[in-house]
Amino acid sequence: MSELLPHPNPEVDAFEQALLCSLGQAKRGEASRVSTLEDTAARKQGRPVGSAKASPKVKTAIRFDPDVLDALKATGKGWQTRVNDVMREWLLKSPSA
């Protein structure tokens, strides 16, 4: 695959450079695949087999105090998964659960 080369016009942004690079690859036949109408029609809808969990998570609503929710969200992406992990750990340690 070819590397992005500096464009002579400094006003051309990264997207335009990537687009030009992609067009060049297509012209050279590199890393390009054109889907035909038959290919598209033959594709099954939905997720590929085996890509979904056997026991997917269940969507629910839970109420937090605003300061607690803000603190959880402040930990960044994946905060809901971390809350789930902490709750699972608590369930395993709790004698009444």
C-alpha atoms as a PDB file:
ATOM      1  CA  MET A   1       0.000   0.000   0.000  1.00  0.00           C
ATOM      2  CA  SER A   2       1.330   3.436  -0.826  1.00  0.00           C
ATOM      3  CA  GLU A   3       2.056   6.057   1.797  1.00  0.00           C
ATOM      4  CA  LEU A   4       0.521   9.526   1.771  1.00  0.00           C
ATOM      5  CA  LEU A   5       2.851  11.959   0.100  1.00  0.00           C
ATOM      6  CA  PRO A   6       2.915  15.668   0.914  1.00  0.00           C
ATOM      7  CA  HIS A   7       0.517  17.528  -1.314  1.00  0.00           C
ATOM      8  CA  PRO A   8       1.902  20.566  -3.156  1.00  0.00           C
ATOM      9  CA  ASN A   9      -1.077  22.632  -1.977  1.00  0.00           C
ATOM     10  CA  PRO A  10      -0.828  23.102   1.823  1.00  0.00           C
ATOM     11  CA  GLU A  11      -4.525  23.948   2.019  1.00  0.00           C
ATOM     12  CA  VAL A  12      -5.511  20.397   1.051  1.00  0.00           C
ATOM     13  CA  ASP A  13      -6.541  18.739   4.304  1.00  0.00           C
ATOM     14  CA  ALA A  14      -5.921  15.156   5.427  1.00  0.00           C
ATOM     15  CA  PHE A  15      -9.285  13.940   4.153  1.00  0.00           C
ATOM     16  CA  GLU A  16      -8.608  15.193   0.665  1.00  0.00           C
ATOM     17  CA  GLN A  17      -5.136  13.658   0.731  1.00  0.00           C
ATOM     18  CA  ALA A  18      -6.568  10.315   1.825  1.00  0.00           C
ATOM     19  CA  LEU A  19      -9.216  10.536  -0.886  1.00  0.00           C
ATOM     20  CA  LEU A  20      -6.589  11.241  -3.544  1.00  0.00           C
ATOM     21  CA  CYS A  21      -4.509   8.339  -2.265  1.00  0.00           C
ATOM     22  CA  SER A  22      -7.571   6.074  -2.363  1.00  0.00           C
ATOM     23  CA  LEU A  23      -8.358   7.106  -5.931  1.00  0.00           C
ATOM     24  CA  GLY A  24      -4.788   6.337  -6.924  1.00  0.00           C
ATOM     25  CA  GLN A  25      -5.033   2.897  -5.338  1.00  0.00           C
ATOM     26  CA  ALA A  26      -8.287   2.228  -7.182  1.00  0.00           C
ATOM     27  CA  LYS A  27      -6.731   3.236 -10.508  1.00  0.00           C
ATOM     28  CA  ARG A  28      -3.819   0.877  -9.864  1.00  0.00           C
ATOM     29  CA  GLY A  29      -6.173  -1.910  -8.746  1.00  0.00           C
ATOM     30  CA  GLU A  30      -4.758  -1.972  -5.220  1.00  0.00           C
ATOM     31  CA  ALA A  31      -6.983  -2.919  -2.307  1.00  0.00           C
ATOM     32  CA  SER A  32     -10.173  -2.329  -4.196  1.00  0.00           C
ATOM     33  CA  ARG A  33     -13.225  -4.511  -4.551  1.00  0.00           C
ATOM     34  CA  VAL A  34     -16.388  -3.584  -6.337  1.00  0.00           C
ATOM     35  CA  SER A  35     -19.574  -5.251  -5.093  1.00  0.00           C
ATOM     36  CA  THR A  36     -21.958  -6.275  -7.812  1.00  0.00           C
ATOM     37  CA  LEU A  37     -25.728  -6.167  -7.457  1.00  0.00           C
ATOM     38  CA  GLU A  38     -25.680  -9.979  -7.114  1.00  0.00           C
ATOM     39  CA  ASP A  39     -23.110  -9.764  -4.282  1.00  0.00           C
ATOM     40  CA  THR A  40     -25.266  -7.277  -2.437  1.00  0.00           C
ATOM     41  CA  ALA A  41     -28.450  -9.325  -2.913  1.00  0.00           C
ATOM     42  CA  ALA A  42     -26.718 -12.534  -1.758  1.00  0.00           C
ATOM     43  CA  ARG A  43     -25.613 -10.982   1.535  1.00  0.00           C
ATOM     44  CA  LYS A  44     -27.759 -11.971   4.482  1.00  0.00           C
ATOM     45  CA  GLN A  45     -29.081  -9.239   6.725  1.00  0.00           C
ATOM     46  CA  GLY A  46     -27.987  -8.933  10.332  1.00  0.00           C
ATOM     47  CA  ARG A  47     -24.806  -9.766  12.124  1.00  0.00           C
ATOM     48  CA  PRO A  48     -22.477 -12.456  10.819  1.00  0.00           C
ATOM     49  CA  VAL A  49     -22.947 -15.876  12.424  1.00  0.00           C
ATOM     50  CA  GLY A  50     -20.915 -16.193  15.609  1.00  0.00           C
ATOM     51  CA  SER A  51     -20.415 -12.455  16.091  1.00  0.00           C
ATOM     52  CA  ALA A  52     -23.162 -12.091  18.705  1.00  0.00           C
ATOM     53  CA  LYS A  53     -22.786 -13.301  22.288  1.00  0.00           C
ATOM     54  CA  ALA A  54     -24.744 -16.368  23.380  1.00  0.00           C
ATOM     55  CA  SER A  55     -26.120 -14.388  26.328  1.00  0.00           C
ATOM     56  CA  PRO A  56     -26.222 -10.735  25.280  1.00  0.00           C
ATOM     57  CA  LYS A  57     -26.544  -7.951  27.814  1.00  0.00           C
ATOM     58  CA  VAL A  58     -30.028  -6.738  28.664  1.00  0.00           C
ATOM     59  CA  LYS A  59     -30.953  -3.092  28.282  1.00  0.00           C
ATOM     60  CA  THR A  60     -32.359  -1.590  31.476  1.00  0.00           C
ATOM     61  CA  ALA A  61     -32.818   1.733  33.207  1.00  0.00           C
ATOM     62  CA  ILE A  62     -31.144   2.573  36.501  1.00  0.00           C
ATOM     63  CA  ARG A  63     -31.308   5.806  38.438  1.00  0.00           C
ATOM     64  CA  PHE A  64     -28.131   7.405  39.822  1.00  0.00           C
ATOM     65  CA  ASP A  65     -27.630  10.612  41.738  1.00  0.00           C
ATOM     66  CA  PRO A  66     -26.325  13.260  39.332  1.00  0.00           C
ATOM     67  CA  ASP A  67     -22.921  13.478  41.028  1.00  0.00           C
ATOM     68  CA  VAL A  68     -22.478   9.697  40.883  1.00  0.00           C
ATOM     69  CA  LEU A  69     -23.429   9.559  37.199  1.00  0.00           C
ATOM     70  CA  ASP A  70     -21.101  12.469  36.384  1.00  0.00           C
ATOM     71  CA  ALA A  71     -18.232  10.731  38.183  1.00  0.00           C
ATOM     72  CA  LEU A  72     -18.883   7.456  36.344  1.00  0.00           C
ATOM     73  CA  LYS A  73     -19.044   9.162  32.962  1.00  0.00           C
ATOM     74  CA  ALA A  74     -15.874  11.112  33.774  1.00  0.00           C
ATOM     75  CA  THR A  75     -13.962   7.814  33.826  1.00  0.00           C
ATOM     76  CA  GLY A  76     -14.357   7.730  30.042  1.00  0.00           C
ATOM     77  CA  LYS A  77     -15.588   5.354  27.412  1.00  0.00           C
ATOM     78  CA  GLY A  78     -16.588   1.952  28.777  1.00  0.00           C
ATOM     79  CA  TRP A  79     -17.963   3.261  32.077  1.00  0.00           C
ATOM     80  CA  GLN A  80     -21.099   1.110  31.801  1.00  0.00           C
ATOM     81  CA  THR A  81     -19.010  -2.034  31.343  1.00  0.00           C
ATOM     82  CA  ARG A  82     -16.937  -1.094  34.390  1.00  0.00           C
ATOM     83  CA  VAL A  83     -20.120  -0.600  36.454  1.00  0.00           C
ATOM     84  CA  ASN A  84     -21.299  -4.043  35.269  1.00  0.00           C
ATOM     85  CA  ASP A  85     -17.966  -5.593  36.318  1.00  0.00           C
ATOM     86  CA  VAL A  86     -18.116  -3.986  39.766  1.00  0.00           C
ATOM     87  CA  MET A  87     -21.705  -5.172  40.262  1.00  0.00           C
ATOM     88  CA  ARG A  88     -20.720  -8.730  39.260  1.00  0.00           C
ATOM     89  CA  GLU A  89     -17.809  -8.646  41.711  1.00  0.00           C
ATOM     90  CA  TRP A  90     -20.135  -7.420  44.469  1.00  0.00           C
ATOM     91  CA  LEU A  91     -22.618 -10.220  43.725  1.00  0.00           C
ATOM     92  CA  LEU A  92     -19.865 -12.834  43.992  1.00  0.00           C
ATOM     93  CA  LYS A  93     -18.655 -11.462  47.341  1.00  0.00           C
ATOM     94  CA  SER A  94     -22.066 -10.775  48.855  1.00  0.00           C
ATOM     95  CA  PRO A  95     -23.372 -13.594  51.078  1.00  0.00           C
ATOM     96  CA  SER A  96     -27.022 -12.505  50.620  1.00  0.00           C
ATOM     97  CA  ALA A  97     -26.957 -12.441  46.804  1.00  0.00           C
END
